[in-house]
C-alpha atoms as a PDB file:
ATOM      1  CA  MET A   1      79.314 135.769  81.172  1.00  0.00           C
ATOM      2  CA  THR A   2      81.407 138.787  80.140  1.00  0.00           C
ATOM      3  CA  ARG A   3      84.445 138.640  77.914  1.00  0.00           C
ATOM      4  CA  PRO A   4      87.797 139.185  79.562  1.00  0.00           C
ATOM      5  CA  SER A   5      89.228 142.632  79.015  1.00  0.00           C
ATOM      6  CA  HIS A   6      92.236 143.135  76.811  1.00  0.00           C
ATOM      7  CA  ARG A   7      95.324 144.748  78.239  1.00  0.00           C
ATOM      8  CA  VAL A   8      95.945 148.299  76.935  1.00  0.00           C
ATOM      9  CA  ILE A   9      99.424 149.130  75.640  1.00  0.00           C
ATOM     10  CA  ILE A  10     100.074 152.760  74.732  1.00  0.00           C
ATOM     11  CA  ARG A  11     103.037 153.287  72.414  1.00  0.00           C
ATOM     12  CA  HIS A  12     105.369 156.223  72.872  1.00  0.00           C
ATOM     13  CA  GLN A  13     103.950 158.372  70.051  1.00  0.00           C
ATOM     14  CA  ALA A  14     100.400 157.927  71.391  1.00  0.00           C
ATOM     15  CA  GLU A  15     101.600 158.955  74.875  1.00  0.00           C
ATOM     16  CA  VAL A  16     103.134 162.083  73.358  1.00  0.00           C
ATOM     17  CA  ASP A  17      99.873 162.809  71.507  1.00  0.00           C
ATOM     18  CA  ILE A  18      97.822 162.411  74.695  1.00  0.00           C
ATOM     19  CA  THR A  19     100.182 164.462  76.852  1.00  0.00           C
ATOM     20  CA  ASP A  20     100.398 167.309  74.335  1.00  0.00           C
ATOM     21  CA  ALA A  21      96.612 167.480  74.044  1.00  0.00           C
ATOM     22  CA  ALA A  22      96.078 167.340  77.822  1.00  0.00           C
ATOM     23  CA  LEU A  23      98.581 170.165  78.363  1.00  0.00           C
ATOM     24  CA  PHE A  24      96.914 172.232  75.635  1.00  0.00           C
ATOM     25  CA  TYR A  25      93.483 171.814  77.248  1.00  0.00           C
ATOM     26  CA  GLU A  26      94.850 172.519  80.719  1.00  0.00           C
ATOM     27  CA  ARG A  27      96.241 175.836  79.435  1.00  0.00           C
ATOM     28  CA  GLN A  28      92.781 176.701  78.087  1.00  0.00           C
ATOM     29  CA  ARG A  29      91.072 176.140  81.441  1.00  0.00           C
ATOM     30  CA  ALA A  30      92.234 174.624  84.721  1.00  0.00           C
ATOM     31  CA  GLY A  31      90.920 171.074  84.993  1.00  0.00           C
ATOM     32  CA  LEU A  32      90.095 170.698  81.296  1.00  0.00           C
ATOM     33  CA  GLY A  33      93.245 168.645  80.714  1.00  0.00           C
ATOM     34  CA  HIS A  34      92.114 166.204  83.406  1.00  0.00           C
ATOM     35  CA  GLU A  35      88.688 166.000  81.775  1.00  0.00           C
ATOM     36  CA  PHE A  36      90.376 165.178  78.468  1.00  0.00           C
ATOM     37  CA  LEU A  37      92.451 162.416  80.111  1.00  0.00           C
ATOM     38  CA  SER A  38      89.341 161.010  81.772  1.00  0.00           C
ATOM     39  CA  GLU A  39      87.576 160.789  78.414  1.00  0.00           C
ATOM     40  CA  ILE A  40      90.595 159.146  76.775  1.00  0.00           C
ATOM     41  CA  ASN A  41      90.727 156.597  79.615  1.00  0.00           C
ATOM     42  CA  SER A  42      87.016 155.836  79.185  1.00  0.00           C
ATOM     43  CA  ALA A  43      87.477 155.310  75.440  1.00  0.00           C
ATOM     44  CA  LEU A  44      90.424 152.998  76.059  1.00  0.00           C
ATOM     45  CA  ALA A  45      88.487 150.991  78.653  1.00  0.00           C
ATOM     46  CA  SER A  46      85.657 150.547  76.164  1.00  0.00           C
ATOM     47  CA  ALA A  47      88.055 149.377  73.460  1.00  0.00           C
ATOM     48  CA  ALA A  48      89.747 146.978  75.889  1.00  0.00           C
ATOM     49  CA  GLU A  49      86.377 145.469  76.777  1.00  0.00           C
ATOM     50  CA  ASN A  50      85.346 144.936  73.138  1.00  0.00           C
ATOM     51  CA  PRO A  51      87.767 146.073  70.404  1.00  0.00           C
ATOM     52  CA  PHE A  52      85.424 144.763  67.692  1.00  0.00           C
ATOM     53  CA  ARG A  53      82.949 147.512  68.559  1.00  0.00           C
ATOM     54  CA  TYR A  54      85.092 149.982  66.620  1.00  0.00           C
ATOM     55  CA  PRO A  55      85.420 150.262  62.834  1.00  0.00           C
ATOM     56  CA  CYS A  56      88.303 148.616  61.038  1.00  0.00           C
ATOM     57  CA  PHE A  57      90.254 150.990  58.747  1.00  0.00           C
ATOM     58  CA  ARG A  58      92.946 148.625  57.553  1.00  0.00           C
ATOM     59  CA  ARG A  59      93.077 144.845  57.365  1.00  0.00           C
ATOM     60  CA  ARG A  60      96.775 143.951  57.696  1.00  0.00           C
ATOM     61  CA  PRO A  61      97.522 144.785  60.346  1.00  0.00           C
ATOM     62  CA  GLU A  62      93.977 145.318  61.532  1.00  0.00           C
ATOM     63  CA  VAL A  63      93.747 148.997  62.537  1.00  0.00           C
ATOM     64  CA  ARG A  64      90.680 150.217  64.407  1.00  0.00           C
ATOM     65  CA  ARG A  65      89.616 153.722  65.436  1.00  0.00           C
ATOM     66  CA  ILE A  66      87.815 155.138  68.467  1.00  0.00           C
ATOM     67  CA  LEU A  67      86.181 158.571  68.323  1.00  0.00           C
ATOM     68  CA  ALA A  68      86.283 160.505  71.578  1.00  0.00           C
ATOM     69  CA  LYS A  69      82.857 161.844  72.513  1.00  0.00           C
ATOM     70  CA  ARG A  70      83.490 165.294  73.950  1.00  0.00           C
ATOM     71  CA  PHE A  71      86.870 166.176  72.485  1.00  0.00           C
ATOM     72  CA  PRO A  72      87.635 166.031  68.734  1.00  0.00           C
ATOM     73  CA  TYR A  73      90.175 163.203  68.932  1.00  0.00           C
ATOM     74  CA  ARG A  74      90.604 159.839  67.227  1.00  0.00           C
ATOM     75  CA  LEU A  75      92.461 156.961  68.854  1.00  0.00           C
ATOM     76  CA  PHE A  76      94.026 154.358  66.545  1.00  0.00           C
ATOM     77  CA  PHE A  77      94.888 150.862  67.741  1.00  0.00           C
ATOM     78  CA  VAL A  78      95.747 147.354  66.619  1.00  0.00           C
ATOM     79  CA  ARG A  79      94.816 144.112  68.333  1.00  0.00           C
ATOM     80  CA  ARG A  80      97.389 141.698  69.645  1.00  0.00           C
ATOM     81  CA  PRO A  81      96.741 138.454  71.540  1.00  0.00           C
ATOM     82  CA  GLY A  82      95.148 139.607  74.805  1.00  0.00           C
ATOM     83  CA  ALA A  83      95.916 143.284  74.198  1.00  0.00           C
ATOM     84  CA  ILE A  84      95.175 146.381  72.200  1.00  0.00           C
ATOM     85  CA  VAL A  85      98.082 148.588  71.154  1.00  0.00           C
ATOM     86  CA  VAL A  86      97.261 152.282  70.850  1.00  0.00           C
ATOM     87  CA  PHE A  87      99.738 153.867  68.461  1.00  0.00           C
ATOM     88  CA  ARG A  88      98.299 157.345  67.670  1.00  0.00           C
ATOM     89  CA  VAL A  89      95.832 159.795  69.217  1.00  0.00           C
ATOM     90  CA  LEU A  90      95.099 162.544  66.688  1.00  0.00           C
ATOM     91  CA  HIS A  91      92.984 165.680  66.630  1.00  0.00           C
ATOM     92  CA  ALA A  92      90.154 165.390  64.106  1.00  0.00           C
ATOM     93  CA  ALA A  93      91.590 168.309  62.097  1.00  0.00           C
ATOM     94  CA  ARG A  94      94.837 166.383  61.462  1.00  0.00           C
ATOM     95  CA  ASP A  95      95.243 164.628  58.141  1.00  0.00           C
ATOM     96  CA  GLU A  96      93.652 161.174  58.272  1.00  0.00           C
ATOM     97  CA  ARG A  97      96.808 159.710  56.674  1.00  0.00           C
ATOM     98  CA  GLU A  98      98.948 160.788  59.650  1.00  0.00           C
ATOM     99  CA  TRP A  99      98.185 157.593  61.582  1.00  0.00           C
ATOM    100  CA  LYS A 100      99.527 155.439  58.744  1.00  0.00           C
ATOM    101  CA  LYS A 101     103.083 156.582  59.469  1.00  0.00           C
ATOM    102  CA  ASN A 102     103.034 154.814  62.840  1.00  0.00           C
ATOM    103  CA  VAL A 103     101.189 151.531  62.242  1.00  0.00           C
ATOM    104  CA  PRO A 104     102.919 148.793  64.237  1.00  0.00           C
ATOM    105  CA  LYS A 105     104.302 145.864  62.277  1.00  0.00           C
ATOM    106  CA  PRO A 106     102.277 142.631  62.552  1.00  0.00           C
END
């Protein structure tokens, strides 16, 4: 029996991060932005299926991180009852502390 999937909630700042990155990649090569979005969606689906699969970086609130496979991006999320809340999507070259500015309150 499989576990029920969690609902995915994407906060405003994470949406901005994703959109900016997709537009950047689309300017590099037609279709690359769509490939980026497809990878982000796959990562989110995986996290929704089993959020415990990803490492915990902070305990209170519990912040977890997903590494995108093809693109150098990190997705940060917290768990809520029945949901995961994605609050930042950052390029790997960005300062690791950047996500801490946007951690949702418990």
